C-alpha atoms as a PDB file:
ATOM      1  CA  MET A   1      72.897  13.776 192.240  1.00  0.00           C
ATOM      2  CA  VAL A   2      74.319  14.484 188.798  1.00  0.00           C
ATOM      3  CA  ARG A   3      73.248  12.136 186.013  1.00  0.00           C
ATOM      4  CA  MET A   4      76.254  10.723 184.151  1.00  0.00           C
ATOM      5  CA  VAL A   5      76.243   9.613 180.507  1.00  0.00           C
ATOM      6  CA  ASP A   6      78.734   7.901 178.239  1.00  0.00           C
ATOM      7  CA  CYS A   7      79.070  10.827 175.835  1.00  0.00           C
ATOM      8  CA  VAL A   8      79.213   9.724 172.200  1.00  0.00           C
ATOM      9  CA  LYS A   9      80.573  13.131 171.142  1.00  0.00           C
ATOM     10  CA  LEU A  10      83.496  13.336 173.584  1.00  0.00           C
ATOM     11  CA  GLY A  11      84.081   9.629 174.161  1.00  0.00           C
ATOM     12  CA  ARG A  12      84.015   9.642 177.958  1.00  0.00           C
ATOM     13  CA  THR A  13      81.622   9.558 180.923  1.00  0.00           C
ATOM     14  CA  LEU A  14      80.500  13.073 181.848  1.00  0.00           C
ATOM     15  CA  PRO A  15      77.535  14.847 183.488  1.00  0.00           C
ATOM     16  CA  GLY A  16      74.467  14.698 181.262  1.00  0.00           C
ATOM     17  CA  LEU A  17      71.880  17.304 180.377  1.00  0.00           C
ATOM     18  CA  GLU A  18      69.239  18.056 183.014  1.00  0.00           C
ATOM     19  CA  GLN A  19      66.432  17.393 180.532  1.00  0.00           C
ATOM     20  CA  PRO A  20      66.053  16.591 176.826  1.00  0.00           C
ATOM     21  CA  PRO A  21      67.000  19.669 174.772  1.00  0.00           C
ATOM     22  CA  PHE A  22      63.718  19.475 172.817  1.00  0.00           C
ATOM     23  CA  PRO A  23      60.789  17.056 172.416  1.00  0.00           C
ATOM     24  CA  GLY A  24      60.910  14.020 170.178  1.00  0.00           C
ATOM     25  CA  ALA A  25      63.103  11.026 169.479  1.00  0.00           C
ATOM     26  CA  LEU A  26      66.246  13.011 168.618  1.00  0.00           C
ATOM     27  CA  GLY A  27      65.930  15.128 171.776  1.00  0.00           C
ATOM     28  CA  GLN A  28      65.625  11.961 173.872  1.00  0.00           C
ATOM     29  CA  ARG A  29      68.556  10.320 172.067  1.00  0.00           C
ATOM     30  CA  ILE A  30      70.732  13.371 172.761  1.00  0.00           C
ATOM     31  CA  PHE A  31      69.603  13.376 176.411  1.00  0.00           C
ATOM     32  CA  ASP A  32      70.524   9.687 176.755  1.00  0.00           C
ATOM     33  CA  HIS A  33      73.880   9.732 174.937  1.00  0.00           C
ATOM     34  CA  VAL A  34      75.384  13.253 174.893  1.00  0.00           C
ATOM     35  CA  SER A  35      76.911  15.062 177.871  1.00  0.00           C
ATOM     36  CA  ALA A  36      76.134  18.665 178.746  1.00  0.00           C
ATOM     37  CA  GLU A  37      79.671  19.577 177.663  1.00  0.00           C
ATOM     38  CA  GLY A  38      79.243  17.707 174.379  1.00  0.00           C
ATOM     39  CA  TYR A  39      75.904  19.401 173.735  1.00  0.00           C
ATOM     40  CA  SER A  40      77.479  22.830 174.321  1.00  0.00           C
ATOM     41  CA  LEU A  41      79.595  22.249 171.195  1.00  0.00           C
ATOM     42  CA  TRP A  42      76.464  22.258 169.011  1.00  0.00           C
ATOM     43  CA  GLN A  43      75.595  25.971 169.406  1.00  0.00           C
ATOM     44  CA  PRO A  44      78.788  27.346 167.800  1.00  0.00           C
ATOM     45  CA  HIS A  45      78.570  24.718 165.030  1.00  0.00           C
ATOM     46  CA  MET A  46      74.942  25.623 164.335  1.00  0.00           C
ATOM     47  CA  THR A  47      75.818  29.338 164.290  1.00  0.00           C
ATOM     48  CA  ILE A  48      78.544  28.693 161.721  1.00  0.00           C
ATOM     49  CA  MET A  49      76.086  26.750 159.544  1.00  0.00           C
ATOM     50  CA  ILE A  50      73.423  29.479 159.768  1.00  0.00           C
ATOM     51  CA  ASN A  51      75.870  32.286 158.989  1.00  0.00           C
ATOM     52  CA  HIS A  52      77.851  30.487 156.273  1.00  0.00           C
ATOM     53  CA  TYR A  53      74.765  29.416 154.328  1.00  0.00           C
ATOM     54  CA  ALA A  54      72.634  32.483 155.260  1.00  0.00           C
ATOM     55  CA  LEU A  55      69.945  30.202 156.696  1.00  0.00           C
ATOM     56  CA  ASN A  56      66.690  31.448 158.204  1.00  0.00           C
ATOM     57  CA  PRO A  57      66.034  29.453 161.426  1.00  0.00           C
ATOM     58  CA  ALA A  58      62.320  30.333 161.218  1.00  0.00           C
ATOM     59  CA  ASP A  59      62.011  28.452 157.908  1.00  0.00           C
ATOM     60  CA  PRO A  60      60.701  24.864 158.345  1.00  0.00           C
ATOM     61  CA  GLU A  61      63.135  23.546 155.708  1.00  0.00           C
ATOM     62  CA  THR A  62      66.047  25.160 157.555  1.00  0.00           C
ATOM     63  CA  ARG A  63      64.931  23.603 160.837  1.00  0.00           C
ATOM     64  CA  LYS A  64      64.755  20.195 159.138  1.00  0.00           C
ATOM     65  CA  LEU A  65      68.239  20.688 157.689  1.00  0.00           C
ATOM     66  CA  LEU A  66      69.610  21.763 161.097  1.00  0.00           C
ATOM     67  CA  ARG A  67      68.040  18.744 162.827  1.00  0.00           C
ATOM     68  CA  ASN A  68      69.656  16.451 160.255  1.00  0.00           C
ATOM     69  CA  GLU A  69      72.960  18.262 160.744  1.00  0.00           C
ATOM     70  CA  MET A  70      72.563  17.964 164.527  1.00  0.00           C
ATOM     71  CA  GLU A  71      72.032  14.210 164.269  1.00  0.00           C
ATOM     72  CA  GLU A  72      75.120  13.903 162.069  1.00  0.00           C
ATOM     73  CA  PHE A  73      77.103  16.175 164.436  1.00  0.00           C
ATOM     74  CA  PHE A  74      76.413  13.987 167.469  1.00  0.00           C
ATOM     75  CA  PHE A  75      75.969  10.497 166.041  1.00  0.00           C
ATOM     76  CA  GLY A  76      77.422  10.436 162.523  1.00  0.00           C
ATOM     77  CA  GLU A  77      80.894   9.823 161.261  1.00  0.00           C
ATOM     78  CA  ASN A  78      80.889  12.679 158.767  1.00  0.00           C
ATOM     79  CA  ALA A  79      80.244  15.759 160.911  1.00  0.00           C
ATOM     80  CA  ARG A  80      82.141  18.608 159.310  1.00  0.00           C
ATOM     81  CA  LEU A  81      82.170  22.367 158.911  1.00  0.00           C
ATOM     82  CA  PRO A  82      80.861  23.946 155.704  1.00  0.00           C
ATOM     83  CA  GLU A  83      83.186  23.638 152.696  1.00  0.00           C
ATOM     84  CA  GLY A  84      85.417  26.669 152.417  1.00  0.00           C
ATOM     85  CA  TRP A  85      84.720  27.875 155.956  1.00  0.00           C
ATOM     86  CA  ALA A  86      87.695  29.122 157.961  1.00  0.00           C
ATOM     87  CA  PRO A  87      87.706  30.782 161.377  1.00  0.00           C
ATOM     88  CA  PRO A  88      87.912  34.586 161.227  1.00  0.00           C
ATOM     89  CA  GLY A  89      91.540  35.619 160.749  1.00  0.00           C
ATOM     90  CA  ALA A  90      92.617  32.195 159.468  1.00  0.00           C
ATOM     91  CA  ALA A  91      93.933  31.622 155.980  1.00  0.00           C
ATOM     92  CA  PRO A  92      91.206  30.473 153.587  1.00  0.00           C
ATOM     93  CA  SER A  93      91.350  26.839 152.543  1.00  0.00           C
ATOM     94  CA  LYS A  94      91.423  27.744 148.823  1.00  0.00           C
ATOM     95  CA  GLY A  95      92.312  30.791 146.779  1.00  0.00           C
ATOM     96  CA  ALA A  96      94.257  33.818 147.894  1.00  0.00           C
ATOM     97  CA  PRO A  97      95.918  34.005 151.298  1.00  0.00           C
ATOM     98  CA  ALA A  98      94.243  35.878 154.118  1.00  0.00           C
ATOM     99  CA  PRO A  99      94.841  39.641 154.074  1.00  0.00           C
ATOM    100  CA  GLN A 100      97.738  40.786 156.238  1.00  0.00           C
ATOM    101  CA  ARG A 101      97.134  43.269 159.050  1.00  0.00           C
ATOM    102  CA  LYS A 102      99.195  46.442 158.966  1.00  0.00           C
END
């Protein structure tokens, strides 16, 4: 039987993760309160953070920063993308417009 959770990220009851995503209190909190669908949103967000800030995931300080960002992403009110980040092909938020394709 599928385990259901009241997903704090998506605001509805959905199937939960099969197991905590990693050991520790934050992993257990995510397991208890975030759906599998909600958790799947973290990977692209984390990738954006790593690429935008040129982070090294092997660095302990980077891992600490990403864990803090993960907690904010799922449970905080201020989860946001990096300042100045725009999806590829979108107009930048500041400065010159995006280059036009010919």
